[in-house]
C-alpha atoms as a PDB file:
ATOM      1  CA  UNK A   1     -21.050  22.379 117.671  1.00  0.00           C
ATOM      2  CA  UNK A   2     -18.653  19.515 118.520  1.00  0.00           C
ATOM      3  CA  UNK A   3     -21.085  18.427 121.395  1.00  0.00           C
ATOM      4  CA  UNK A   4     -23.927  18.115 119.053  1.00  0.00           C
ATOM      5  CA  UNK A   5     -21.898  16.017 116.608  1.00  0.00           C
ATOM      6  CA  UNK A   6     -20.768  13.699 119.575  1.00  0.00           C
ATOM      7  CA  UNK A   7     -24.395  13.416 120.668  1.00  0.00           C
ATOM      8  CA  UNK A   8     -25.516  12.474 117.340  1.00  0.00           C
ATOM      9  CA  UNK A   9     -22.697  10.090 116.883  1.00  0.00           C
ATOM     10  CA  UNK A  10     -23.648   8.406 120.066  1.00  0.00           C
ATOM     11  CA  UNK A  11     -27.147   8.041 119.296  1.00  0.00           C
ATOM     12  CA  UNK A  12     -26.316   6.515 115.937  1.00  0.00           C
ATOM     13  CA  UNK A  13     -24.050   3.936 117.640  1.00  0.00           C
ATOM     14  CA  UNK A  14     -26.832   3.094 120.006  1.00  0.00           C
ATOM     15  CA  UNK A  15     -29.281   2.814 117.194  1.00  0.00           C
ATOM     16  CA  UNK A  16     -26.865   0.535 115.145  1.00  0.00           C
ATOM     17  CA  UNK A  17     -26.282  -1.630 118.288  1.00  0.00           C
ATOM     18  CA  UNK A  18     -30.110  -1.919 118.792  1.00  0.00           C
ATOM     19  CA  UNK A  19     -30.521  -2.836 115.196  1.00  0.00           C
ATOM     20  CA  UNK A  20     -27.841  -5.536 115.567  1.00  0.00           C
ATOM     21  CA  UNK A  21     -29.317  -6.970 118.739  1.00  0.00           C
ATOM     22  CA  UNK A  22     -32.812  -7.031 117.094  1.00  0.00           C
ATOM     23  CA  UNK A  23     -31.419  -8.789 114.124  1.00  0.00           C
ATOM     24  CA  UNK A  24     -29.577 -11.304 116.155  1.00  0.00           C
ATOM     25  CA  UNK A  25     -32.665 -12.113 118.105  1.00  0.00           C
ATOM     26  CA  UNK A  26     -34.874 -12.310 115.222  1.00  0.00           C
ATOM     27  CA  UNK A  27     -32.240 -14.770 113.592  1.00  0.00           C
ATOM     28  CA  UNK A  28     -32.088 -16.785 116.715  1.00  0.00           C
ATOM     29  CA  UNK A  29     -36.012 -17.209 116.760  1.00  0.00           C
ATOM     30  CA  UNK A  30     -35.941 -17.993 112.966  1.00  0.00           C
ATOM     31  CA  UNK A  31     -33.343 -20.655 113.390  1.00  0.00           C
ATOM     32  CA  UNK A  32     -34.323 -22.419 116.612  1.00  0.00           C
ATOM     33  CA  UNK A  33     -38.265 -21.822 116.761  1.00  0.00           C
ATOM     34  CA  UNK A  34     -40.510 -24.417 115.489  1.00  0.00           C
ATOM     35  CA  UNK A  35     -38.178 -27.364 115.329  1.00  0.00           C
ATOM     36  CA  UNK A  36     -41.055 -29.548 116.319  1.00  0.00           C
ATOM     37  CA  UNK A  37     -43.069 -28.490 113.072  1.00  0.00           C
ATOM     38  CA  UNK A  38     -40.434 -30.112 110.796  1.00  0.00           C
ATOM     39  CA  UNK A  39     -42.303 -32.562 108.481  1.00  0.00           C
ATOM     40  CA  UNK A  40     -40.390 -35.554 107.514  1.00  0.00           C
ATOM     41  CA  UNK A  41     -41.126 -37.760 104.521  1.00  0.00           C
ATOM     42  CA  UNK A  42     -42.505 -41.267 104.812  1.00  0.00           C
ATOM     43  CA  UNK A  43     -40.296 -43.782 106.391  1.00  0.00           C
ATOM     44  CA  UNK A  44     -38.144 -45.720 104.049  1.00  0.00           C
ATOM     45  CA  UNK A  45     -38.752 -49.413 104.028  1.00  0.00           C
ATOM     46  CA  UNK A  46     -36.656 -52.045 102.273  1.00  0.00           C
ATOM     47  CA  UNK A  47     -39.426 -52.729 100.004  1.00  0.00           C
ATOM     48  CA  UNK A  48     -39.736 -49.096  98.751  1.00  0.00           C
ATOM     49  CA  UNK A  49     -36.044 -48.764  98.481  1.00  0.00           C
ATOM     50  CA  UNK A  50     -36.166 -51.915  96.207  1.00  0.00           C
ATOM     51  CA  UNK A  51     -38.990 -50.565  94.147  1.00  0.00           C
ATOM     52  CA  UNK A  52     -36.963 -47.326  93.488  1.00  0.00           C
ATOM     53  CA  UNK A  53     -33.882 -49.629  92.666  1.00  0.00           C
ATOM     54  CA  UNK A  54     -36.084 -51.683  90.357  1.00  0.00           C
ATOM     55  CA  UNK A  55     -37.279 -48.534  88.531  1.00  0.00           C
ATOM     56  CA  UNK A  56     -33.701 -47.224  88.082  1.00  0.00           C
ATOM     57  CA  UNK A  57     -32.553 -50.622  86.654  1.00  0.00           C
ATOM     58  CA  UNK A  58     -35.420 -50.744  84.249  1.00  0.00           C
ATOM     59  CA  UNK A  59     -34.561 -47.204  83.047  1.00  0.00           C
ATOM     60  CA  UNK A  60     -30.914 -48.402  82.749  1.00  0.00           C
ATOM     61  CA  UNK A  61     -31.922 -51.132  80.589  1.00  0.00           C
ATOM     62  CA  UNK A  62     -34.008 -48.832  78.517  1.00  0.00           C
ATOM     63  CA  UNK A  63     -31.041 -46.446  78.014  1.00  0.00           C
ATOM     64  CA  UNK A  64     -28.754 -49.311  77.192  1.00  0.00           C
ATOM     65  CA  UNK A  65     -30.982 -50.633  74.523  1.00  0.00           C
ATOM     66  CA  UNK A  66     -31.305 -47.164  73.202  1.00  0.00           C
ATOM     67  CA  UNK A  67     -27.480 -46.627  73.126  1.00  0.00           C
ATOM     68  CA  UNK A  68     -27.036 -50.049  71.311  1.00  0.00           C
ATOM     69  CA  UNK A  69     -29.455 -49.200  68.692  1.00  0.00           C
ATOM     70  CA  UNK A  70     -27.951 -45.981  68.155  1.00  0.00           C
ATOM     71  CA  UNK A  71     -24.721 -47.658  67.618  1.00  0.00           C
ATOM     72  CA  UNK A  72     -22.839 -46.197  70.601  1.00  0.00           C
ATOM     73  CA  UNK A  73     -22.164 -49.714  71.951  1.00  0.00           C
ATOM     74  CA  UNK A  74     -20.564 -52.928  70.555  1.00  0.00           C
ATOM     75  CA  UNK A  75     -22.243 -56.132  70.529  1.00  0.00           C
ATOM     76  CA  UNK A  76     -20.085 -57.583  73.359  1.00  0.00           C
ATOM     77  CA  UNK A  77     -20.291 -54.540  75.748  1.00  0.00           C
ATOM     78  CA  UNK A  78     -24.076 -54.612  75.132  1.00  0.00           C
ATOM     79  CA  UNK A  79     -24.306 -58.186  75.960  1.00  0.00           C
ATOM     80  CA  UNK A  80     -22.204 -57.863  79.190  1.00  0.00           C
ATOM     81  CA  UNK A  81     -24.020 -54.855  80.457  1.00  0.00           C
ATOM     82  CA  UNK A  82     -27.483 -56.164  79.620  1.00  0.00           C
ATOM     83  CA  UNK A  83     -26.736 -59.483  81.430  1.00  0.00           C
ATOM     84  CA  UNK A  84     -25.552 -57.527  84.494  1.00  0.00           C
ATOM     85  CA  UNK A  85     -28.533 -55.365  84.590  1.00  0.00           C
ATOM     86  CA  UNK A  86     -30.890 -58.281  84.117  1.00  0.00           C
ATOM     87  CA  UNK A  87     -29.106 -60.098  86.961  1.00  0.00           C
ATOM     88  CA  UNK A  88     -29.639 -57.146  89.058  1.00  0.00           C
ATOM     89  CA  UNK A  89     -33.264 -56.839  88.214  1.00  0.00           C
ATOM     90  CA  UNK A  90     -33.941 -60.355  88.939  1.00  0.00           C
ATOM     91  CA  UNK A  91     -32.110 -60.280  92.305  1.00  0.00           C
ATOM     92  CA  UNK A  92     -34.291 -57.058  93.154  1.00  0.00           C
ATOM     93  CA  UNK A  93     -37.536 -58.689  92.038  1.00  0.00           C
ATOM     94  CA  UNK A  94     -36.641 -61.860  93.964  1.00  0.00           C
ATOM     95  CA  UNK A  95     -36.084 -59.865  97.208  1.00  0.00           C
ATOM     96  CA  UNK A  96     -39.340 -57.835  96.739  1.00  0.00           C
ATOM     97  CA  UNK A  97     -41.291 -60.992  96.322  1.00  0.00           C
ATOM     98  CA  UNK A  98     -39.746 -62.519  99.442  1.00  0.00           C
ATOM     99  CA  UNK A  99     -40.688 -59.496 101.410  1.00  0.00           C
ATOM    100  CA  UNK A 100     -44.259 -59.445  99.923  1.00  0.00           C
ATOM    101  CA  UNK A 101     -44.568 -63.110 100.778  1.00  0.00           C
ATOM    102  CA  UNK A 102     -43.434 -62.466 104.479  1.00  0.00           C
ATOM    103  CA  UNK A 103     -45.713 -59.500 104.580  1.00  0.00           C
ATOM    104  CA  UNK A 104     -48.839 -61.603 103.307  1.00  0.00           C
ATOM    105  CA  UNK A 105     -48.100 -64.800 105.365  1.00  0.00           C
ATOM    106  CA  UNK A 106     -50.574 -64.879 108.175  1.00  0.00           C
ATOM    107  CA  UNK A 107     -49.468 -66.466 111.524  1.00  0.00           C
ATOM    108  CA  UNK A 108     -51.910 -69.158 112.892  1.00  0.00           C
ATOM    109  CA  UNK A 109     -51.062 -68.690 116.452  1.00  0.00           C
ATOM    110  CA  UNK A 110     -53.958 -69.211 118.799  1.00  0.00           C
ATOM    111  CA  UNK A 111     -56.179 -71.188 116.344  1.00  0.00           C
ATOM    112  CA  UNK A 112     -57.142 -74.665 117.291  1.00  0.00           C
END
């Protein structure tokens, strides 16, 4: 009887070890297989970054106006924050226009 129990325990141990090895192999394949298939988003350019910043700045201006009209901000705080956001928006727009101007400028090399 003891021999049967020992044989069964040995088979269970071998079965568990086989299961662990199979799981480890599957995990290895899952983690490292197909790394070439990873999709990346579009490359960030300075212009796209500035467009995102412009939208965030405009949203901040809308929120600021809402909070002022709701009475959450005093006149002085509103004026300071609005001026800072408007300056930031102006700087962003100026840089975006400079990038667009460089992009649309056509070189005249080779023309006589």
